[in-house]
């Protein structure tokens, strides 16, 4: 008789930064009001019953950015007081907002547990993976998501995290988080079209001290967003942004 497979403990499927982006989308669409969970996941580009949508709800709840009520088809979600305070604070420099984010970043139990065990200087990724799989009973497939979330959380508590890195391991898996949806920038910017003049269509924090805001001065659609992404990629290839001060490693 086959041995039943143990269910992996819960873990954040995305970083605190990405969770805040999802919170901002929910706020733009629903404000402070509760919405059916099935409606919320559709705002994020998921099908109603997709595992990615359910993981996103679970992750935002673990960070304390949303609360939920009810169950099944009647389950509703809404931004928590912390989530609202974070997304409403659009100041370029805001110690109050950053303090809330730093606190939320360590709310998931596995994040605080890794911090208690290793602190900001991780041992090799192989050692951490052994700890998560053999001592904490996590599915090996959850490892890269957990490490990515941990590194992002620690950056909000310290300047940066030291230790071993594996660029291939840490490469974001877009399809795993979006169910095959469009890339991150397109997905966030494309949740609403036919913009009003000077409407903010994206507000993306790229470091602790910098957020990039996109403003539309007229109507836009999927094709125009794709053109924007192409222009940014071309700028990277041409070295347009090479003079930027790279203050932190990026996963």
C-alpha atoms as a PDB file:
ATOM      1  CA  UNK A   1       0.000   0.000   0.000  1.00  0.00           C
ATOM      2  CA  UNK A   2       1.402   3.370  -1.029  1.00  0.00           C
ATOM      3  CA  UNK A   3       2.370   5.680   1.789  1.00  0.00           C
ATOM      4  CA  UNK A   4       0.130   8.782   1.810  1.00  0.00           C
ATOM      5  CA  UNK A   5       1.873  11.983   0.850  1.00  0.00           C
ATOM      6  CA  UNK A   6       2.111  14.504   3.663  1.00  0.00           C
ATOM      7  CA  UNK A   7       0.748  17.955   2.936  1.00  0.00           C
ATOM      8  CA  UNK A   8       3.373  20.679   3.000  1.00  0.00           C
ATOM      9  CA  UNK A   9       2.909  23.297   5.754  1.00  0.00           C
ATOM     10  CA  UNK A  10       1.687  26.689   4.592  1.00  0.00           C
ATOM     11  CA  UNK A  11       4.233  29.155   3.268  1.00  0.00           C
ATOM     12  CA  UNK A  12       4.231  32.500   1.412  1.00  0.00           C
ATOM     13  CA  UNK A  13       4.136  31.858  -2.322  1.00  0.00           C
ATOM     14  CA  UNK A  14       5.456  35.352  -3.118  1.00  0.00           C
ATOM     15  CA  UNK A  15       7.577  38.095  -1.573  1.00  0.00           C
ATOM     16  CA  UNK A  16       6.194  40.845   0.622  1.00  0.00           C
ATOM     17  CA  UNK A  17       6.820  43.274  -2.246  1.00  0.00           C
ATOM     18  CA  UNK A  18       4.710  41.219  -4.667  1.00  0.00           C
ATOM     19  CA  UNK A  19       2.043  40.748  -2.007  1.00  0.00           C
ATOM     20  CA  UNK A  20       1.784  44.518  -1.625  1.00  0.00           C
ATOM     21  CA  UNK A  21       1.372  44.855  -5.396  1.00  0.00           C
ATOM     22  CA  UNK A  22      -1.574  42.438  -5.246  1.00  0.00           C
ATOM     23  CA  UNK A  23      -2.965  44.409  -2.299  1.00  0.00           C
ATOM     24  CA  UNK A  24      -2.758  47.614  -4.302  1.00  0.00           C
ATOM     25  CA  UNK A  25      -4.654  46.006  -7.188  1.00  0.00           C
ATOM     26  CA  UNK A  26      -7.356  44.843  -4.773  1.00  0.00           C
ATOM     27  CA  UNK A  27      -7.573  48.347  -3.291  1.00  0.00           C
ATOM     28  CA  UNK A  28      -7.831  49.960  -6.736  1.00  0.00           C
ATOM     29  CA  UNK A  29     -10.691  47.639  -7.649  1.00  0.00           C
ATOM     30  CA  UNK A  30     -12.583  47.248  -4.365  1.00  0.00           C
ATOM     31  CA  UNK A  31     -11.342  49.971  -2.018  1.00  0.00           C
ATOM     32  CA  UNK A  32     -11.947  49.107   1.635  1.00  0.00           C
ATOM     33  CA  UNK A  33     -14.955  46.942   0.845  1.00  0.00           C
ATOM     34  CA  UNK A  34     -15.078  43.143   1.159  1.00  0.00           C
ATOM     35  CA  UNK A  35     -15.296  41.162  -2.071  1.00  0.00           C
ATOM     36  CA  UNK A  36     -15.887  37.537  -2.872  1.00  0.00           C
ATOM     37  CA  UNK A  37     -12.594  35.657  -2.922  1.00  0.00           C
ATOM     38  CA  UNK A  38     -13.461  34.456  -6.419  1.00  0.00           C
ATOM     39  CA  UNK A  39     -13.759  38.081  -7.528  1.00  0.00           C
ATOM     40  CA  UNK A  40     -10.487  39.071  -5.867  1.00  0.00           C
ATOM     41  CA  UNK A  41      -8.476  36.345  -7.597  1.00  0.00           C
ATOM     42  CA  UNK A  42      -9.903  37.424 -10.949  1.00  0.00           C
ATOM     43  CA  UNK A  43      -8.527  40.928 -10.329  1.00  0.00           C
ATOM     44  CA  UNK A  44      -5.089  39.316 -10.027  1.00  0.00           C
ATOM     45  CA  UNK A  45      -5.421  37.505 -13.343  1.00  0.00           C
ATOM     46  CA  UNK A  46      -6.292  34.033 -12.018  1.00  0.00           C
ATOM     47  CA  UNK A  47      -9.187  31.744 -12.751  1.00  0.00           C
ATOM     48  CA  UNK A  48     -11.622  31.523  -9.854  1.00  0.00           C
ATOM     49  CA  UNK A  49     -10.600  28.059  -8.649  1.00  0.00           C
ATOM     50  CA  UNK A  50      -6.932  28.123  -9.653  1.00  0.00           C
ATOM     51  CA  UNK A  51      -4.306  27.068  -7.131  1.00  0.00           C
ATOM     52  CA  UNK A  52      -2.397  30.282  -7.840  1.00  0.00           C
ATOM     53  CA  UNK A  53      -5.360  32.379  -6.774  1.00  0.00           C
ATOM     54  CA  UNK A  54      -5.862  30.393  -3.577  1.00  0.00           C
ATOM     55  CA  UNK A  55      -2.143  30.655  -2.762  1.00  0.00           C
ATOM     56  CA  UNK A  56      -2.264  34.415  -3.290  1.00  0.00           C
ATOM     57  CA  UNK A  57      -5.167  34.785  -0.857  1.00  0.00           C
ATOM     58  CA  UNK A  58      -3.355  32.600   1.677  1.00  0.00           C
ATOM     59  CA  UNK A  59      -0.103  34.540   1.267  1.00  0.00           C
ATOM     60  CA  UNK A  60      -1.665  37.992   1.632  1.00  0.00           C
ATOM     61  CA  UNK A  61      -3.475  36.746   4.729  1.00  0.00           C
ATOM     62  CA  UNK A  62      -0.205  35.348   6.152  1.00  0.00           C
ATOM     63  CA  UNK A  63       1.456  38.754   5.724  1.00  0.00           C
ATOM     64  CA  UNK A  64      -1.526  40.372   7.457  1.00  0.00           C
ATOM     65  CA  UNK A  65      -2.458  42.433   4.392  1.00  0.00           C
ATOM     66  CA  UNK A  66      -5.988  41.029   4.069  1.00  0.00           C
ATOM     67  CA  UNK A  67      -8.605  39.382   6.258  1.00  0.00           C
ATOM     68  CA  UNK A  68     -11.227  36.856   5.217  1.00  0.00           C
ATOM     69  CA  UNK A  69     -14.643  35.689   6.336  1.00  0.00           C
ATOM     70  CA  UNK A  70     -16.934  32.830   5.422  1.00  0.00           C
ATOM     71  CA  UNK A  71     -16.029  29.751   3.417  1.00  0.00           C
ATOM     72  CA  UNK A  72     -16.513  28.087   0.069  1.00  0.00           C
ATOM     73  CA  UNK A  73     -18.319  30.138  -2.561  1.00  0.00           C
ATOM     74  CA  UNK A  74     -19.343  32.687   0.098  1.00  0.00           C
ATOM     75  CA  UNK A  75     -15.800  33.424   1.274  1.00  0.00           C
ATOM     76  CA  UNK A  76     -14.959  37.121   1.194  1.00  0.00           C
ATOM     77  CA  UNK A  77     -11.689  39.010   1.531  1.00  0.00           C
ATOM     78  CA  UNK A  78     -10.831  42.629   2.201  1.00  0.00           C
ATOM     79  CA  UNK A  79      -7.743  44.642   2.973  1.00  0.00           C
ATOM     80  CA  UNK A  80      -6.748  44.748   6.627  1.00  0.00           C
ATOM     81  CA  UNK A  81      -6.037  48.020   8.409  1.00  0.00           C
ATOM     82  CA  UNK A  82      -2.326  47.348   7.796  1.00  0.00           C
ATOM     83  CA  UNK A  83      -2.897  46.652   4.115  1.00  0.00           C
ATOM     84  CA  UNK A  84      -4.927  49.838   3.678  1.00  0.00           C
ATOM     85  CA  UNK A  85      -2.338  51.946   5.515  1.00  0.00           C
ATOM     86  CA  UNK A  86       0.433  50.611   3.275  1.00  0.00           C
ATOM     87  CA  UNK A  87      -1.275  51.051  -0.101  1.00  0.00           C
ATOM     88  CA  UNK A  88      -2.726  54.456   0.756  1.00  0.00           C
ATOM     89  CA  UNK A  89       0.665  55.855   1.721  1.00  0.00           C
ATOM     90  CA  UNK A  90       2.103  56.976  -1.621  1.00  0.00           C
ATOM     91  CA  UNK A  91       4.825  59.222  -0.239  1.00  0.00           C
ATOM     92  CA  UNK A  92       8.194  58.609  -1.852  1.00  0.00           C
ATOM     93  CA  UNK A  93       9.830  58.490   1.586  1.00  0.00           C
ATOM     94  CA  UNK A  94       7.673  57.162   4.415  1.00  0.00           C
ATOM     95  CA  UNK A  95       9.274  55.639   7.521  1.00  0.00           C
ATOM     96  CA  UNK A  96       5.798  54.854   8.849  1.00  0.00           C
ATOM     97  CA  UNK A  97       4.857  52.813   5.771  1.00  0.00           C
ATOM     98  CA  UNK A  98       8.239  51.093   5.679  1.00  0.00           C
ATOM     99  CA  UNK A  99       7.873  50.107   9.339  1.00  0.00           C
ATOM    100  CA  UNK A 100       4.492  48.534   8.605  1.00  0.00           C
ATOM    101  CA  UNK A 101       5.962  46.625   5.660  1.00  0.00           C
ATOM    102  CA  UNK A 102       8.911  45.410   7.735  1.00  0.00           C
ATOM    103  CA  UNK A 103       6.498  44.140  10.390  1.00  0.00           C
ATOM    104  CA  UNK A 104       4.231  42.437   7.841  1.00  0.00           C
ATOM    105  CA  UNK A 105       7.228  40.814   6.143  1.00  0.00           C
ATOM    106  CA  UNK A 106       7.928  38.687   9.221  1.00  0.00           C
ATOM    107  CA  UNK A 107       4.369  37.639  10.025  1.00  0.00           C
ATOM    108  CA  UNK A 108       4.499  34.327   8.085  1.00  0.00           C
ATOM    109  CA  UNK A 109       5.642  31.728  10.628  1.00  0.00           C
ATOM    110  CA  UNK A 110       8.260  30.108   8.406  1.00  0.00           C
ATOM    111  CA  UNK A 111       9.885  33.513   7.767  1.00  0.00           C
ATOM    112  CA  UNK A 112      10.208  34.282  11.472  1.00  0.00           C
ATOM    113  CA  UNK A 113      11.366  30.711  12.162  1.00  0.00           C
ATOM    114  CA  UNK A 114      14.187  30.880   9.596  1.00  0.00           C
ATOM    115  CA  UNK A 115      15.208  34.243  11.041  1.00  0.00           C
ATOM    116  CA  UNK A 116      15.323  32.771  14.549  1.00  0.00           C
ATOM    117  CA  UNK A 117      17.470  29.872  13.338  1.00  0.00           C
ATOM    118  CA  UNK A 118      19.865  31.602  10.923  1.00  0.00           C
ATOM    119  CA  UNK A 119      19.408  35.367  11.141  1.00  0.00           C
ATOM    120  CA  UNK A 120      20.376  37.471   8.152  1.00  0.00           C
ATOM    121  CA  UNK A 121      23.410  35.373   7.125  1.00  0.00           C
ATOM    122  CA  UNK A 122      22.127  32.154   5.619  1.00  0.00           C
ATOM    123  CA  UNK A 123      24.317  29.080   5.250  1.00  0.00           C
ATOM    124  CA  UNK A 124      24.408  27.352   1.853  1.00  0.00           C
ATOM    125  CA  UNK A 125      21.126  26.864   0.087  1.00  0.00           C
ATOM    126  CA  UNK A 126      21.630  23.101   0.347  1.00  0.00           C
ATOM    127  CA  UNK A 127      21.753  23.376   4.141  1.00  0.00           C
ATOM    128  CA  UNK A 128      18.628  25.526   4.290  1.00  0.00           C
ATOM    129  CA  UNK A 129      16.792  23.182   1.936  1.00  0.00           C
ATOM    130  CA  UNK A 130      17.727  20.206   4.125  1.00  0.00           C
ATOM    131  CA  UNK A 131      16.308  22.043   7.142  1.00  0.00           C
ATOM    132  CA  UNK A 132      13.045  22.895   5.394  1.00  0.00           C
ATOM    133  CA  UNK A 133      12.493  19.460   3.882  1.00  0.00           C
ATOM    134  CA  UNK A 134      13.689  17.101   6.620  1.00  0.00           C
ATOM    135  CA  UNK A 135      13.033  19.109   9.795  1.00  0.00           C
ATOM    136  CA  UNK A 136      10.033  21.213   8.778  1.00  0.00           C
ATOM    137  CA  UNK A 137       8.398  18.760   6.326  1.00  0.00           C
ATOM    138  CA  UNK A 138       8.106  21.194   3.443  1.00  0.00           C
ATOM    139  CA  UNK A 139       7.714  19.933  -0.094  1.00  0.00           C
ATOM    140  CA  UNK A 140      11.044  20.402  -1.952  1.00  0.00           C
ATOM    141  CA  UNK A 141       9.126  22.304  -4.644  1.00  0.00           C
ATOM    142  CA  UNK A 142       8.300  24.999  -2.079  1.00  0.00           C
ATOM    143  CA  UNK A 143      11.961  25.739  -1.355  1.00  0.00           C
ATOM    144  CA  UNK A 144      12.654  28.436  -3.943  1.00  0.00           C
ATOM    145  CA  UNK A 145       9.463  30.358  -3.050  1.00  0.00           C
ATOM    146  CA  UNK A 146      10.321  30.271   0.650  1.00  0.00           C
ATOM    147  CA  UNK A 147      13.911  31.438   0.133  1.00  0.00           C
ATOM    148  CA  UNK A 148      12.837  34.200  -2.223  1.00  0.00           C
ATOM    149  CA  UNK A 149      10.232  35.403   0.269  1.00  0.00           C
ATOM    150  CA  UNK A 150      12.740  35.224   3.121  1.00  0.00           C
ATOM    151  CA  UNK A 151      15.403  37.249   1.302  1.00  0.00           C
ATOM    152  CA  UNK A 152      12.873  39.945   0.442  1.00  0.00           C
ATOM    153  CA  UNK A 153      11.590  40.067   4.032  1.00  0.00           C
ATOM    154  CA  UNK A 154      15.096  40.364   5.480  1.00  0.00           C
ATOM    155  CA  UNK A 155      15.877  43.267   3.151  1.00  0.00           C
ATOM    156  CA  UNK A 156      13.111  45.185   4.908  1.00  0.00           C
ATOM    157  CA  UNK A 157      14.733  44.521   8.282  1.00  0.00           C
ATOM    158  CA  UNK A 158      18.354  44.965   7.222  1.00  0.00           C
ATOM    159  CA  UNK A 159      20.097  46.563   4.269  1.00  0.00           C
ATOM    160  CA  UNK A 160      20.623  43.242   2.531  1.00  0.00           C
ATOM    161  CA  UNK A 161      20.969  39.528   3.239  1.00  0.00           C
ATOM    162  CA  UNK A 162      24.326  37.807   2.920  1.00  0.00           C
ATOM    163  CA  UNK A 163      24.940  34.168   2.169  1.00  0.00           C
ATOM    164  CA  UNK A 164      24.930  31.802  -0.765  1.00  0.00           C
ATOM    165  CA  UNK A 165      22.783  32.474  -3.820  1.00  0.00           C
ATOM    166  CA  UNK A 166      21.883  30.464  -6.861  1.00  0.00           C
ATOM    167  CA  UNK A 167      20.730  32.626  -9.745  1.00  0.00           C
ATOM    168  CA  UNK A 168      19.086  29.755 -11.588  1.00  0.00           C
ATOM    169  CA  UNK A 169      17.220  28.655  -8.467  1.00  0.00           C
ATOM    170  CA  UNK A 170      16.115  32.166  -7.629  1.00  0.00           C
ATOM    171  CA  UNK A 171      14.889  33.011 -11.145  1.00  0.00           C
ATOM    172  CA  UNK A 172      11.213  34.006 -10.848  1.00  0.00           C
ATOM    173  CA  UNK A 173       8.778  31.463 -12.257  1.00  0.00           C
ATOM    174  CA  UNK A 174       6.076  33.652 -13.766  1.00  0.00           C
ATOM    175  CA  UNK A 175       3.792  30.859 -14.926  1.00  0.00           C
ATOM    176  CA  UNK A 176       3.905  29.185 -11.518  1.00  0.00           C
ATOM    177  CA  UNK A 177       2.509  32.327  -9.881  1.00  0.00           C
ATOM    178  CA  UNK A 178       0.103  33.495 -12.583  1.00  0.00           C
ATOM    179  CA  UNK A 179      -1.228  30.340 -14.138  1.00  0.00           C
ATOM    180  CA  UNK A 180       0.227  31.330 -17.500  1.00  0.00           C
ATOM    181  CA  UNK A 181      -0.836  34.964 -17.324  1.00  0.00           C
ATOM    182  CA  UNK A 182       1.174  37.802 -18.848  1.00  0.00           C
ATOM    183  CA  UNK A 183       4.472  38.957 -17.231  1.00  0.00           C
ATOM    184  CA  UNK A 184       4.432  40.861 -13.956  1.00  0.00           C
ATOM    185  CA  UNK A 185       4.468  44.415 -15.298  1.00  0.00           C
ATOM    186  CA  UNK A 186       1.829  43.722 -17.935  1.00  0.00           C
ATOM    187  CA  UNK A 187      -0.441  41.914 -15.478  1.00  0.00           C
ATOM    188  CA  UNK A 188      -0.392  44.734 -12.930  1.00  0.00           C
ATOM    189  CA  UNK A 189      -0.729  47.524 -15.437  1.00  0.00           C
ATOM    190  CA  UNK A 190      -3.408  45.835 -17.535  1.00  0.00           C
ATOM    191  CA  UNK A 191      -6.099  45.273 -14.911  1.00  0.00           C
ATOM    192  CA  UNK A 192      -7.969  48.298 -16.216  1.00  0.00           C
ATOM    193  CA  UNK A 193      -7.965  49.921 -19.655  1.00  0.00           C
ATOM    194  CA  UNK A 194      -9.272  53.071 -21.333  1.00  0.00           C
ATOM    195  CA  UNK A 195      -7.458  55.219 -18.804  1.00  0.00           C
ATOM    196  CA  UNK A 196      -8.367  58.723 -17.783  1.00  0.00           C
ATOM    197  CA  UNK A 197      -5.703  61.362 -18.280  1.00  0.00           C
ATOM    198  CA  UNK A 198      -2.787  61.151 -15.820  1.00  0.00           C
ATOM    199  CA  UNK A 199      -4.146  57.972 -14.232  1.00  0.00           C
ATOM    200  CA  UNK A 200      -1.615  55.921 -12.275  1.00  0.00           C
ATOM    201  CA  UNK A 201      -1.565  52.431 -13.773  1.00  0.00           C
ATOM    202  CA  UNK A 202       1.319  50.989 -11.753  1.00  0.00           C
ATOM    203  CA  UNK A 203       3.290  51.857  -8.631  1.00  0.00           C
ATOM    204  CA  UNK A 204       6.149  49.384  -8.256  1.00  0.00           C
ATOM    205  CA  UNK A 205       8.650  49.520  -5.400  1.00  0.00           C
ATOM    206  CA  UNK A 206      12.027  48.433  -6.800  1.00  0.00           C
ATOM    207  CA  UNK A 207      14.055  49.055  -3.644  1.00  0.00           C
ATOM    208  CA  UNK A 208      13.587  50.332  -0.115  1.00  0.00           C
ATOM    209  CA  UNK A 209      14.230  53.892  -1.284  1.00  0.00           C
ATOM    210  CA  UNK A 210      12.676  53.905  -4.751  1.00  0.00           C
ATOM    211  CA  UNK A 211       9.276  53.259  -6.309  1.00  0.00           C
ATOM    212  CA  UNK A 212       8.616  53.635 -10.043  1.00  0.00           C
ATOM    213  CA  UNK A 213       5.217  55.078 -10.945  1.00  0.00           C
ATOM    214  CA  UNK A 214       3.615  54.797 -14.380  1.00  0.00           C
ATOM    215  CA  UNK A 215       1.133  57.487 -15.418  1.00  0.00           C
ATOM    216  CA  UNK A 216      -1.044  57.278 -18.534  1.00  0.00           C
ATOM    217  CA  UNK A 217      -1.863  60.572 -20.298  1.00  0.00           C
ATOM    218  CA  UNK A 218      -4.496  58.976 -22.511  1.00  0.00           C
ATOM    219  CA  UNK A 219      -6.195  55.733 -23.379  1.00  0.00           C
ATOM    220  CA  UNK A 220      -4.093  52.561 -23.342  1.00  0.00           C
ATOM    221  CA  UNK A 221      -4.575  48.877 -24.017  1.00  0.00           C
ATOM    222  CA  UNK A 222      -2.666  45.601 -24.028  1.00  0.00           C
ATOM    223  CA  UNK A 223      -0.718  46.554 -27.161  1.00  0.00           C
ATOM    224  CA  UNK A 224       0.511  49.814 -25.655  1.00  0.00           C
ATOM    225  CA  UNK A 225       1.586  48.054 -22.451  1.00  0.00           C
ATOM    226  CA  UNK A 226       3.519  45.515 -24.515  1.00  0.00           C
ATOM    227  CA  UNK A 227       5.214  48.401 -26.339  1.00  0.00           C
ATOM    228  CA  UNK A 228       6.210  49.892 -22.983  1.00  0.00           C
ATOM    229  CA  UNK A 229       7.734  46.599 -21.847  1.00  0.00           C
ATOM    230  CA  UNK A 230       9.636  46.322 -25.143  1.00  0.00           C
ATOM    231  CA  UNK A 231      11.060  49.837 -24.708  1.00  0.00           C
ATOM    232  CA  UNK A 232      12.235  49.041 -21.168  1.00  0.00           C
ATOM    233  CA  UNK A 233      13.871  45.812 -22.343  1.00  0.00           C
ATOM    234  CA  UNK A 234      15.601  47.694 -25.165  1.00  0.00           C
ATOM    235  CA  UNK A 235      16.899  50.244 -22.669  1.00  0.00           C
ATOM    236  CA  UNK A 236      18.400  47.453 -20.594  1.00  0.00           C
ATOM    237  CA  UNK A 237      20.143  45.978 -23.634  1.00  0.00           C
ATOM    238  CA  UNK A 238      21.526  49.387 -24.665  1.00  0.00           C
ATOM    239  CA  UNK A 239      22.802  50.127 -21.165  1.00  0.00           C
ATOM    240  CA  UNK A 240      20.508  53.096 -20.688  1.00  0.00           C
ATOM    241  CA  UNK A 241      20.094  52.345 -17.001  1.00  0.00           C
ATOM    242  CA  UNK A 242      23.670  51.247 -16.273  1.00  0.00           C
ATOM    243  CA  UNK A 243      24.409  54.461 -14.389  1.00  0.00           C
ATOM    244  CA  UNK A 244      21.801  53.605 -11.754  1.00  0.00           C
ATOM    245  CA  UNK A 245      23.183  52.918  -8.287  1.00  0.00           C
ATOM    246  CA  UNK A 246      22.509  49.229  -7.671  1.00  0.00           C
ATOM    247  CA  UNK A 247      22.073  49.230  -3.908  1.00  0.00           C
ATOM    248  CA  UNK A 248      20.814  45.702  -3.524  1.00  0.00           C
ATOM    249  CA  UNK A 249      21.020  42.331  -5.210  1.00  0.00           C
ATOM    250  CA  UNK A 250      17.953  41.311  -7.117  1.00  0.00           C
ATOM    251  CA  UNK A 251      16.593  37.804  -7.177  1.00  0.00           C
END
